[in-house]
Amino acid sequence: MPAHTKNPTRRKFIGTTSMAAAGFFIVPRHVLGKGHIAPSDKLNIAGIGVGGKANVNIPYAYNKGTDNIVALCDVDDRQAVENRKLFPKAPYYRDFRRMLEKEHKNIDAVIITTPDHMHAVQALPCMQMGKHVYLEKPLTHDIYEARILTRAAAQYKVVTQMGNQGSSGDDTRLIETWVQDGLIGEVRTVHVWTNRPTWPQGVPAPKGQFAIPKEVDWELWLGTAPYREYNPAYLPAIWRGWTDFGTGSLGDMGCHFIDVPYRALKLGYPVSVETSVGSVYTGFFQEAIYTDSYPPSAKTHIQFPAREGMPEVEMIWYDGGIKPKRPEELLPDEEMGEWDGGIIFEGSKGKIMAGLFGRNPTLLPTRKMKETELPKSKFELVEGSTEGHQQQWVKACKKGYGAYTSSSFDKSGPLTETVLMGNLAVHSYNYFEKNANGERTFPGRKKLLWDGENMRITNFEPANRFIRRQYRGNWKLEL
């Protein structure tokens, strides 16, 4: 039985019952005076992984005391320094399981900001205990994990949000309106690119012997991943480029960039994916295949079927410095996208160009921005220009399951699966066998056909091994 059903005293009054039912237990604001917030109106939030991006997520959710930070957890004490100073009264743990065991009565919601390989096994028990969850992007490391968390959010009726903050941005909603109102006609091709990686990829596993820093619990940091000796090449943020821990350039930026066309074009499961990757050469025509890290660059084609009156569409992803061809409508001196990447929608009546999070949406040629009557967003804008994504989740938690969030798991789960389809193709691309002469062959370098409902590649069985990885030790993911 979920913990919140055993201990309903406070949890029951945050997002699960009506205010009327709870009215006898809540101190009215007018009793406290103007500007004061009743303690029972505050959300009690815990953090798992409290360094890096958590230095934004946690303070934005706390919102200068509008809510409470009641517990902190990190396997690396060095990463936790800033938030431990900000919230000295919050108990601190290294093992999130211990934190949930000891503090579950005091916790309403959890913010998870950890490496990708631990997202699913940390988020699921929180949801099973009835805790609302804010989980950094990408939602998970594997496609199977994303499907499980999507189902869990509905099963345990908790408020969820993935940390792709651009989904709460005004420009994302504006592009949705422009595309769905037919401003550029039927869209059949979308180009999406990023300057990532900005960390090592296309490199062999590091070597050397290093002492584990006393501030780091290496066993807990590894978690579900296969065991390997500690090496400073894996942490903190450089874990993104290693296949056992991160999801590479696609995982880091795909949930930001791809989210915009995914929403605007009402995309669902893709039907196929194919990729080509940048090579690393160790000598004259000698290609090195490093499966411990993602390739230095990739170009990936993801096909989607017709849906809701829209035609089939191809999304082309570029990373590692690769970009699409410059549109003919763009003048030679005009910038294409932004410094860190961009998006181009190709429609039957025109094109739209934008940057990260759909920023600065622009019709091409750019003179059309002055010549065209542009429709205003038909989607409700999110209050707050910077902290809005986190605060939207906090406010929704207080309202309870069913309250709207921009990137709830029913939306961000399928988006994450699409992003991870690119990585499945990358893993398959590097999959090799040896023929009778001992030469390597690469049977996975083909278009992979995807059955989204059943989570299976239908024309290359070895690719299915990358849908769900095997966890180390006693780690499990069970609804």
Protein backbone atom coordinates (compact mmCIF):
# COMPACT_ATOMS: atom_id res chain seq x y z
CA MET A 1 0.00 0.00 0.00
CA PRO A 2 1.41 3.46 -0.85
CA ALA A 3 2.77 5.24 2.18
CA HIS A 4 0.40 8.18 1.85
CA THR A 5 -2.59 5.94 2.51
CA LYS A 6 -1.01 4.80 5.77
CA ASN A 7 -0.08 8.31 6.91
CA PRO A 8 -2.77 10.64 5.59
CA THR A 9 -2.62 13.42 8.18
CA ARG A 10 -0.89 16.11 6.13
CA ARG A 11 -0.51 14.51 2.72
CA LYS A 12 -4.29 14.32 2.53
CA PHE A 13 -4.55 18.09 2.55
CA ILE A 14 -2.01 18.82 -0.21
CA GLY A 15 -3.53 18.07 -3.57
CA THR A 16 -5.74 15.11 -2.66
CA THR A 17 -8.88 16.45 -0.97
CA SER A 18 -11.01 19.53 -1.40
CA MET A 19 -10.25 22.72 0.46
CA ALA A 20 -13.71 22.54 1.98
CA ALA A 21 -13.00 19.18 3.56
CA ALA A 22 -9.71 20.47 4.90
CA GLY A 23 -11.08 23.84 5.96
CA PHE A 24 -11.28 23.03 9.67
CA PHE A 25 -7.56 22.27 9.77
CA ILE A 26 -6.20 25.21 7.76
CA VAL A 27 -5.38 28.53 9.35
CA PRO A 28 -7.00 31.24 7.18
CA ARG A 29 -4.61 33.76 5.63
CA HIS A 30 -6.50 36.70 7.16
CA VAL A 31 -5.72 35.39 10.64
CA LEU A 32 -1.98 35.52 9.88
CA GLY A 33 -2.17 38.93 8.26
CA LYS A 34 -1.55 40.24 4.77
CA GLY A 35 1.54 38.78 3.08
CA HIS A 36 1.73 35.72 5.33
CA ILE A 37 1.18 32.19 4.10
CA ALA A 38 -0.52 29.61 6.29
CA PRO A 39 1.88 26.70 7.07
CA SER A 40 -0.66 24.19 5.77
CA ASP A 41 -0.73 26.05 2.42
CA LYS A 42 2.95 25.39 1.89
CA LEU A 43 4.27 22.46 -0.11
CA ASN A 44 6.93 20.38 1.62
CA ILE A 45 9.57 19.59 -1.00
CA ALA A 46 12.56 17.22 -0.89
CA GLY A 47 15.48 17.20 -3.31
CA ILE A 48 17.26 14.15 -4.71
CA GLY A 49 20.44 15.34 -6.39
CA VAL A 50 20.91 18.87 -5.09
CA GLY A 51 23.80 20.25 -7.15
CA GLY A 52 24.11 21.48 -10.72
CA LYS A 53 20.68 22.26 -12.19
CA ALA A 54 19.17 21.70 -8.75
CA ASN A 55 20.73 25.02 -7.77
CA VAL A 56 18.04 26.50 -10.03
CA ASN A 57 15.20 24.02 -9.55
CA ILE A 58 15.15 24.01 -5.76
CA PRO A 59 15.34 27.78 -5.12
CA TYR A 60 12.76 28.45 -7.85
CA ALA A 61 10.39 25.94 -6.23
CA TYR A 62 11.11 27.34 -2.75
CA ASN A 63 10.34 30.82 -4.12
CA LYS A 64 11.75 32.82 -1.19
CA GLY A 65 9.79 30.93 1.42
CA THR A 66 6.48 30.48 -0.38
CA ASP A 67 7.07 26.76 0.20
CA ASN A 68 9.33 24.53 2.30
CA ILE A 69 12.47 22.53 1.52
CA VAL A 70 12.29 19.73 4.09
CA ALA A 71 15.01 17.23 3.05
CA LEU A 72 18.06 17.07 0.78
CA CYS A 73 19.91 14.11 -0.70
CA ASP A 74 23.06 13.73 -2.81
CA VAL A 75 25.72 11.05 -3.26
CA ASP A 76 28.37 13.75 -3.72
CA ASP A 77 28.71 16.12 -0.76
CA ARG A 78 30.63 18.58 -2.93
CA GLN A 79 27.59 19.08 -5.14
CA ALA A 80 25.30 19.65 -2.19
CA VAL A 81 27.18 22.56 -0.61
CA GLU A 82 25.11 25.44 -2.00
CA ASN A 83 21.67 24.08 -1.15
CA ARG A 84 22.79 22.80 2.25
CA LYS A 85 23.82 26.36 3.06
CA LEU A 86 20.54 27.75 1.76
CA PHE A 87 18.46 25.23 3.74
CA PRO A 88 20.49 24.33 6.87
CA LYS A 89 17.46 22.96 8.72
CA ALA A 90 16.69 20.37 6.05
CA PRO A 91 18.01 16.89 7.01
CA TYR A 92 20.69 15.70 4.58
CA TYR A 93 21.08 12.16 3.25
CA ARG A 94 23.24 10.33 0.73
CA ASP A 95 20.83 7.46 0.01
CA PHE A 96 17.46 8.63 -1.32
CA ARG A 97 15.84 5.41 -0.09
CA ARG A 98 16.88 6.23 3.45
CA MET A 99 15.53 9.76 3.04
CA LEU A 100 12.14 8.50 1.87
CA GLU A 101 12.03 5.99 4.71
CA LYS A 102 12.80 8.56 7.40
CA GLU A 103 11.12 11.68 6.02
CA HIS A 104 8.12 10.43 4.05
CA LYS A 105 5.60 11.84 6.54
CA ASN A 106 7.04 15.32 6.01
CA ILE A 107 7.36 15.19 2.20
CA ASP A 108 4.65 16.18 -0.27
CA ALA A 109 6.74 16.45 -3.43
CA VAL A 110 10.22 15.63 -4.72
CA ILE A 111 12.56 17.38 -7.17
CA ILE A 112 14.98 14.92 -8.82
CA THR A 113 18.10 16.32 -10.50
CA THR A 114 20.46 13.36 -10.92
CA PRO A 115 22.29 11.60 -13.79
CA ASP A 116 19.96 10.03 -16.35
CA HIS A 117 20.64 6.42 -15.40
CA MET A 118 19.06 6.93 -11.96
CA HIS A 119 15.95 8.92 -12.91
CA ALA A 120 13.48 6.07 -13.19
CA VAL A 121 14.44 4.12 -10.06
CA GLN A 122 14.32 7.32 -7.99
CA ALA A 123 11.09 8.75 -9.40
CA LEU A 124 8.98 5.58 -9.31
CA PRO A 125 9.15 4.92 -5.53
CA CYS A 126 8.35 8.58 -4.89
CA MET A 127 5.21 8.28 -7.01
CA GLN A 128 4.31 4.99 -5.36
CA MET A 129 4.43 6.79 -2.00
CA GLY A 130 2.05 9.43 -3.36
CA LYS A 131 4.68 12.15 -3.77
CA HIS A 132 4.41 14.62 -6.65
CA VAL A 133 7.53 14.59 -8.85
CA TYR A 134 9.55 17.16 -10.77
CA LEU A 135 12.14 15.21 -12.78
CA GLU A 136 14.93 16.69 -14.86
CA LYS A 137 15.19 15.98 -18.57
CA PRO A 138 15.45 13.60 -20.24
CA LEU A 139 12.77 11.82 -18.26
CA THR A 140 14.73 8.56 -18.34
CA HIS A 141 17.78 6.80 -19.75
CA ASP A 142 15.80 4.08 -21.59
CA ILE A 143 12.58 3.95 -23.62
CA TYR A 144 11.10 1.27 -21.34
CA GLU A 145 11.69 3.44 -18.28
CA ALA A 146 9.87 6.38 -19.88
CA ARG A 147 6.86 4.17 -20.59
CA ILE A 148 6.80 2.95 -16.98
CA LEU A 149 6.93 6.46 -15.48
CA THR A 150 4.18 7.64 -17.82
CA ARG A 151 1.94 4.83 -16.60
CA ALA A 152 2.93 5.36 -12.98
CA ALA A 153 1.93 9.03 -12.94
CA ALA A 154 -1.61 8.03 -13.94
CA GLN A 155 -1.75 4.98 -11.70
CA TYR A 156 -0.63 6.79 -8.53
CA LYS A 157 -2.39 10.05 -9.43
CA VAL A 158 0.45 12.43 -8.72
CA VAL A 159 1.33 15.77 -10.31
CA THR A 160 4.40 15.54 -12.54
CA GLN A 161 6.68 17.83 -14.53
CA MET A 162 9.78 17.15 -16.61
CA GLY A 163 12.47 19.82 -16.38
CA ASN A 164 12.37 21.03 -19.98
CA GLN A 165 11.48 24.57 -18.98
CA GLY A 166 10.99 25.75 -22.55
CA SER A 167 7.68 23.86 -22.59
CA SER A 168 6.33 26.64 -20.36
CA GLY A 169 7.72 29.38 -22.60
CA ASP A 170 5.63 31.92 -24.50
CA ASP A 171 7.43 31.22 -27.79
CA THR A 172 6.64 27.51 -27.66
CA ARG A 173 2.96 28.34 -27.41
CA LEU A 174 3.22 30.93 -30.15
CA ILE A 175 4.77 28.42 -32.59
CA GLU A 176 2.06 25.90 -31.71
CA THR A 177 -0.52 28.47 -32.73
CA TRP A 178 1.21 29.50 -35.95
CA VAL A 179 1.69 25.91 -37.14
CA GLN A 180 -1.75 24.64 -36.13
CA ASP A 181 -3.46 27.69 -37.64
CA GLY A 182 -1.83 26.83 -41.00
CA LEU A 183 0.33 29.96 -41.20
CA ILE A 184 2.96 28.05 -43.23
CA GLY A 185 0.66 25.37 -44.65
CA GLU A 186 1.31 21.64 -44.29
CA VAL A 187 4.59 20.79 -42.56
CA ARG A 188 6.34 17.66 -43.83
CA THR A 189 9.93 18.35 -42.75
CA VAL A 190 11.47 19.78 -39.57
CA HIS A 191 15.18 20.37 -38.97
CA VAL A 192 16.49 20.50 -35.39
CA TRP A 193 20.13 21.01 -34.43
CA THR A 194 22.36 21.66 -31.42
CA ASN A 195 25.98 22.58 -30.80
CA ARG A 196 26.27 19.82 -28.18
CA PRO A 197 28.28 17.94 -27.08
CA THR A 198 30.35 20.34 -25.04
CA TRP A 199 31.85 17.38 -23.14
CA PRO A 200 33.94 14.41 -24.37
CA GLN A 201 32.21 12.00 -26.77
CA GLY A 202 33.59 9.56 -29.29
CA VAL A 203 36.35 8.62 -26.84
CA PRO A 204 37.43 5.35 -25.20
CA ALA A 205 36.72 4.56 -21.57
CA PRO A 206 39.21 6.37 -19.31
CA LYS A 207 42.04 4.48 -17.67
CA GLY A 208 44.06 4.92 -14.52
CA GLN A 209 43.59 4.34 -10.81
CA PHE A 210 42.16 7.08 -8.64
CA ALA A 211 41.18 7.25 -5.00
CA ILE A 212 37.48 7.82 -4.43
CA PRO A 213 36.99 11.26 -2.86
CA LYS A 214 35.71 11.01 0.70
CA GLU A 215 32.78 13.23 -0.28
CA VAL A 216 31.53 10.71 -2.88
CA ASP A 217 29.62 7.46 -2.33
CA TRP A 218 30.75 5.79 -5.55
CA GLU A 219 28.57 2.70 -5.12
CA LEU A 220 25.45 4.85 -4.82
CA TRP A 221 26.56 7.09 -7.68
CA LEU A 222 26.88 4.05 -9.98
CA GLY A 223 23.48 2.80 -8.88
CA THR A 224 21.88 0.86 -11.75
CA ALA A 225 24.95 1.10 -14.03
CA PRO A 226 27.52 -1.69 -14.49
CA TYR A 227 30.34 -1.52 -11.99
CA ARG A 228 33.55 0.26 -12.93
CA GLU A 229 36.35 1.83 -10.95
CA TYR A 230 36.01 5.46 -9.95
CA ASN A 231 37.42 7.94 -12.41
CA PRO A 232 37.06 11.75 -12.32
CA ALA A 233 36.29 11.61 -16.07
CA TYR A 234 32.73 10.55 -15.19
CA LEU A 235 31.57 13.34 -12.91
CA PRO A 236 30.12 15.77 -12.23
CA ALA A 237 28.42 16.90 -15.48
CA ILE A 238 30.64 14.95 -17.90
CA TRP A 239 28.65 11.79 -17.25
CA ARG A 240 26.37 12.92 -20.10
CA GLY A 241 28.68 11.57 -22.80
CA TRP A 242 29.01 8.05 -21.34
CA THR A 243 26.41 5.53 -22.49
CA ASP A 244 26.03 3.82 -19.11
CA PHE A 245 25.12 7.07 -17.35
CA GLY A 246 23.91 9.72 -19.79
CA THR A 247 22.02 10.05 -23.04
CA GLY A 248 24.44 12.22 -24.99
CA SER A 249 23.62 15.30 -27.01
CA LEU A 250 20.11 14.08 -27.85
CA GLY A 251 19.21 13.48 -24.23
CA ASP A 252 20.67 16.74 -23.06
CA MET A 253 19.10 19.03 -25.66
CA GLY A 254 16.52 16.96 -27.54
CA CYS A 255 13.86 17.38 -24.87
CA HIS A 256 14.34 21.15 -25.22
CA PHE A 257 14.53 21.53 -29.00
CA ILE A 258 12.32 18.64 -30.14
CA ASP A 259 9.60 19.53 -27.66
CA VAL A 260 8.62 22.52 -29.84
CA PRO A 261 7.78 20.62 -33.07
CA TYR A 262 6.50 17.69 -31.04
CA ARG A 263 3.78 19.93 -29.60
CA ALA A 264 3.13 22.07 -32.65
CA LEU A 265 2.73 19.06 -34.96
CA LYS A 266 0.89 16.88 -32.41
CA LEU A 267 3.41 14.10 -32.87
CA GLY A 268 3.12 10.70 -31.24
CA TYR A 269 5.17 7.54 -31.65
CA PRO A 270 7.49 7.55 -34.68
CA VAL A 271 7.39 4.73 -37.21
CA SER A 272 11.06 4.57 -38.19
CA VAL A 273 14.50 5.95 -37.41
CA GLU A 274 17.89 5.90 -39.09
CA THR A 275 21.15 7.61 -38.29
CA SER A 276 24.72 8.20 -39.39
CA VAL A 277 27.43 9.20 -36.93
CA GLY A 278 30.72 11.03 -37.02
CA SER A 279 33.69 8.67 -37.07
CA VAL A 280 36.82 8.61 -34.96
CA TYR A 281 39.97 7.45 -36.73
CA THR A 282 43.02 6.03 -35.00
CA GLY A 283 45.14 5.71 -38.10
CA PHE A 284 45.04 5.54 -41.88
CA PHE A 285 41.41 4.55 -42.67
CA GLN A 286 41.21 2.81 -39.30
CA GLU A 287 37.83 3.58 -37.70
CA ALA A 288 37.55 3.26 -33.93
CA ILE A 289 34.20 2.15 -32.47
CA TYR A 290 33.82 3.34 -28.91
CA THR A 291 30.61 2.01 -27.39
CA ASP A 292 31.32 3.41 -23.91
CA SER A 293 30.66 6.94 -25.17
CA TYR A 294 28.30 8.50 -27.67
CA PRO A 295 29.69 9.54 -31.08
CA PRO A 296 31.15 13.03 -31.57
CA SER A 297 28.35 13.94 -33.99
CA ALA A 298 25.25 12.42 -35.56
CA LYS A 299 22.50 13.06 -38.07
CA THR A 300 19.27 11.23 -37.34
CA HIS A 301 16.05 10.92 -39.39
CA ILE A 302 12.85 10.19 -37.46
CA GLN A 303 9.65 9.52 -39.41
CA PHE A 304 6.14 10.13 -38.06
CA PRO A 305 2.83 9.01 -39.59
CA ALA A 306 -0.10 11.22 -40.58
CA ARG A 307 -2.25 12.23 -37.60
CA GLU A 308 -5.18 14.54 -36.74
CA GLY A 309 -5.48 15.85 -40.27
CA MET A 310 -1.75 16.54 -40.57
CA PRO A 311 0.48 14.75 -43.13
CA GLU A 312 3.37 12.44 -42.35
CA VAL A 313 6.48 14.32 -41.30
CA GLU A 314 10.21 13.74 -41.15
CA MET A 315 12.22 15.23 -38.29
CA ILE A 316 15.97 15.48 -38.89
CA TRP A 317 18.25 15.91 -35.87
CA TYR A 318 21.82 17.20 -36.13
CA ASP A 319 24.40 17.42 -33.34
CA GLY A 320 28.13 17.84 -32.85
CA GLY A 321 28.38 20.94 -35.03
CA ILE A 322 26.42 19.56 -38.00
CA LYS A 323 23.70 21.85 -39.33
CA PRO A 324 21.06 21.63 -42.06
CA LYS A 325 21.47 23.49 -45.32
CA ARG A 326 20.89 27.20 -44.95
CA PRO A 327 17.36 28.10 -46.19
CA GLU A 328 17.33 29.98 -49.48
CA GLU A 329 14.94 32.51 -47.92
CA LEU A 330 17.54 33.51 -45.33
CA LEU A 331 19.81 36.37 -46.37
CA PRO A 332 23.58 35.64 -46.34
CA ASP A 333 24.25 37.79 -43.28
CA GLU A 334 21.21 36.74 -41.25
CA GLU A 335 21.81 34.33 -38.41
CA MET A 336 20.43 30.80 -38.74
CA GLY A 337 18.90 29.79 -35.43
CA GLU A 338 20.99 30.70 -32.39
CA TRP A 339 24.53 30.01 -31.22
CA ASP A 340 23.50 26.76 -29.48
CA GLY A 341 21.16 25.41 -32.16
CA GLY A 342 17.87 25.95 -33.89
CA ILE A 343 14.65 24.70 -35.44
CA ILE A 344 13.29 25.12 -38.97
CA PHE A 345 9.76 24.09 -39.97
CA GLU A 346 9.34 23.62 -43.74
CA GLY A 347 5.72 24.16 -44.75
CA SER A 348 3.93 24.16 -48.09
CA LYS A 349 3.34 27.92 -47.75
CA GLY A 350 6.48 29.04 -45.95
CA LYS A 351 8.99 28.36 -43.19
CA ILE A 352 9.41 29.15 -39.50
CA MET A 353 12.83 29.44 -37.85
CA ALA A 354 13.43 29.51 -34.09
CA GLY A 355 16.12 28.97 -31.48
CA LEU A 356 16.29 26.99 -28.24
CA PHE A 357 12.87 26.65 -26.53
CA GLY A 358 11.39 28.06 -29.75
CA ARG A 359 12.88 31.45 -28.93
CA ASN A 360 12.47 34.28 -31.40
CA PRO A 361 10.11 32.50 -33.83
CA THR A 362 10.60 34.05 -37.27
CA LEU A 363 8.87 33.63 -40.60
CA LEU A 364 11.18 33.22 -43.59
CA PRO A 365 12.05 35.31 -45.43
CA THR A 366 12.34 37.57 -42.37
CA ARG A 367 10.57 40.48 -44.11
CA LYS A 368 7.35 38.46 -43.70
CA MET A 369 7.40 39.31 -39.99
CA LYS A 370 6.38 42.87 -40.93
CA GLU A 371 4.16 41.95 -43.86
CA THR A 372 2.07 39.24 -42.17
CA GLU A 373 -0.70 39.58 -39.60
CA LEU A 374 0.53 37.11 -37.00
CA PRO A 375 -2.01 35.29 -34.83
CA LYS A 376 -1.67 35.62 -31.06
CA SER A 377 -1.17 32.52 -28.97
CA LYS A 378 -4.34 30.51 -28.45
CA PHE A 379 -2.65 28.65 -25.59
CA GLU A 380 -2.58 30.00 -22.06
CA LEU A 381 0.78 31.54 -21.12
CA VAL A 382 2.63 30.46 -17.99
CA GLU A 383 3.06 33.08 -15.29
CA GLY A 384 6.70 33.98 -14.59
CA SER A 385 9.41 34.46 -17.19
CA THR A 386 12.12 32.38 -15.51
CA GLU A 387 10.83 30.48 -12.50
CA GLY A 388 7.43 29.76 -14.08
CA HIS A 389 8.07 26.10 -14.96
CA GLN A 390 8.96 25.09 -11.39
CA GLN A 391 6.31 27.30 -9.81
CA GLN A 392 3.66 25.98 -12.20
CA TRP A 393 4.38 22.50 -10.84
CA VAL A 394 4.32 23.67 -7.21
CA LYS A 395 0.93 25.35 -7.68
CA ALA A 396 -0.43 22.30 -9.47
CA CYS A 397 0.69 20.04 -6.61
CA LYS A 398 -1.46 22.09 -4.23
CA LYS A 399 -4.47 21.70 -6.51
CA GLY A 400 -3.93 17.97 -6.89
CA TYR A 401 -3.85 15.34 -9.61
CA GLY A 402 -5.36 16.56 -12.84
CA ALA A 403 -4.06 20.12 -12.47
CA TYR A 404 -2.29 21.24 -15.64
CA THR A 405 1.49 21.30 -15.99
CA SER A 406 3.29 22.03 -19.24
CA SER A 407 5.39 18.87 -19.28
CA SER A 408 3.45 16.31 -17.24
CA PHE A 409 4.60 12.75 -17.82
CA ASP A 410 1.68 11.95 -20.13
CA LYS A 411 3.27 14.49 -22.51
CA SER A 412 6.97 14.30 -21.63
CA GLY A 413 7.02 10.49 -21.51
CA PRO A 414 6.20 10.00 -25.22
CA LEU A 415 8.46 12.98 -26.07
CA THR A 416 11.33 11.31 -24.21
CA GLU A 417 10.69 8.03 -26.01
CA THR A 418 11.00 9.85 -29.34
CA VAL A 419 14.26 11.49 -28.25
CA LEU A 420 15.64 8.15 -27.10
CA MET A 421 14.72 6.57 -30.44
CA GLY A 422 17.66 8.51 -31.85
CA ASN A 423 19.98 6.93 -29.30
CA LEU A 424 18.56 3.49 -30.03
CA ALA A 425 19.57 4.06 -33.65
CA VAL A 426 23.04 5.21 -32.57
CA HIS A 427 23.55 2.10 -30.44
CA SER A 428 22.36 -0.08 -33.32
CA TYR A 429 24.61 1.76 -35.76
CA ASN A 430 27.64 0.81 -33.69
CA TYR A 431 26.46 -2.77 -33.16
CA PHE A 432 28.77 -5.10 -35.05
CA GLU A 433 29.26 -8.78 -35.73
CA LYS A 434 32.24 -10.64 -37.18
CA ASN A 435 32.07 -12.67 -40.36
CA ALA A 436 33.92 -15.90 -41.10
CA ASN A 437 37.10 -13.94 -41.85
CA GLY A 438 36.98 -12.12 -38.53
CA GLU A 439 36.00 -8.85 -40.20
CA ARG A 440 33.49 -6.57 -38.52
CA THR A 441 30.10 -6.10 -40.16
CA PHE A 442 27.47 -3.58 -39.08
CA PRO A 443 24.00 -5.04 -39.72
CA GLY A 444 22.37 -2.29 -37.65
CA ARG A 445 23.21 0.46 -40.11
CA LYS A 446 19.79 0.51 -41.70
CA LYS A 447 16.39 2.13 -41.27
CA LEU A 448 14.82 0.70 -38.14
CA LEU A 449 11.05 0.17 -38.17
CA TRP A 450 9.32 0.95 -34.88
CA ASP A 451 6.15 -0.46 -33.34
CA GLY A 452 5.52 2.22 -30.72
CA GLU A 453 2.59 0.59 -28.93
CA ASN A 454 4.57 -2.58 -28.30
CA MET A 455 7.98 -0.89 -27.93
CA ARG A 456 9.72 -3.04 -30.54
CA ILE A 457 11.99 -2.69 -33.56
CA THR A 458 10.36 -5.04 -36.05
CA ASN A 459 13.14 -5.50 -38.62
CA PHE A 460 16.34 -5.82 -36.56
CA GLU A 461 16.05 -7.91 -33.40
CA PRO A 462 19.43 -6.96 -31.84
CA ALA A 463 18.22 -3.34 -31.57
CA ASN A 464 15.61 -4.35 -29.02
CA ARG A 465 18.31 -4.96 -26.43
CA PHE A 466 18.71 -1.18 -26.17
CA ILE A 467 15.07 -0.53 -25.24
CA ARG A 468 15.52 -1.80 -21.70
CA ARG A 469 18.90 -2.24 -20.06
CA GLN A 470 19.71 -4.68 -17.29
CA TYR A 471 20.19 -3.08 -13.89
CA ARG A 472 23.07 -3.99 -11.65
CA GLY A 473 22.51 -5.74 -8.34
CA ASN A 474 19.13 -5.47 -6.65
CA TRP A 475 17.87 -2.38 -8.49
CA LYS A 476 14.40 -2.94 -9.95
CA LEU A 477 11.66 -0.98 -11.74
CA GLU A 478 8.26 -2.47 -10.99
CA LEU A 479 4.81 -0.88 -11.01
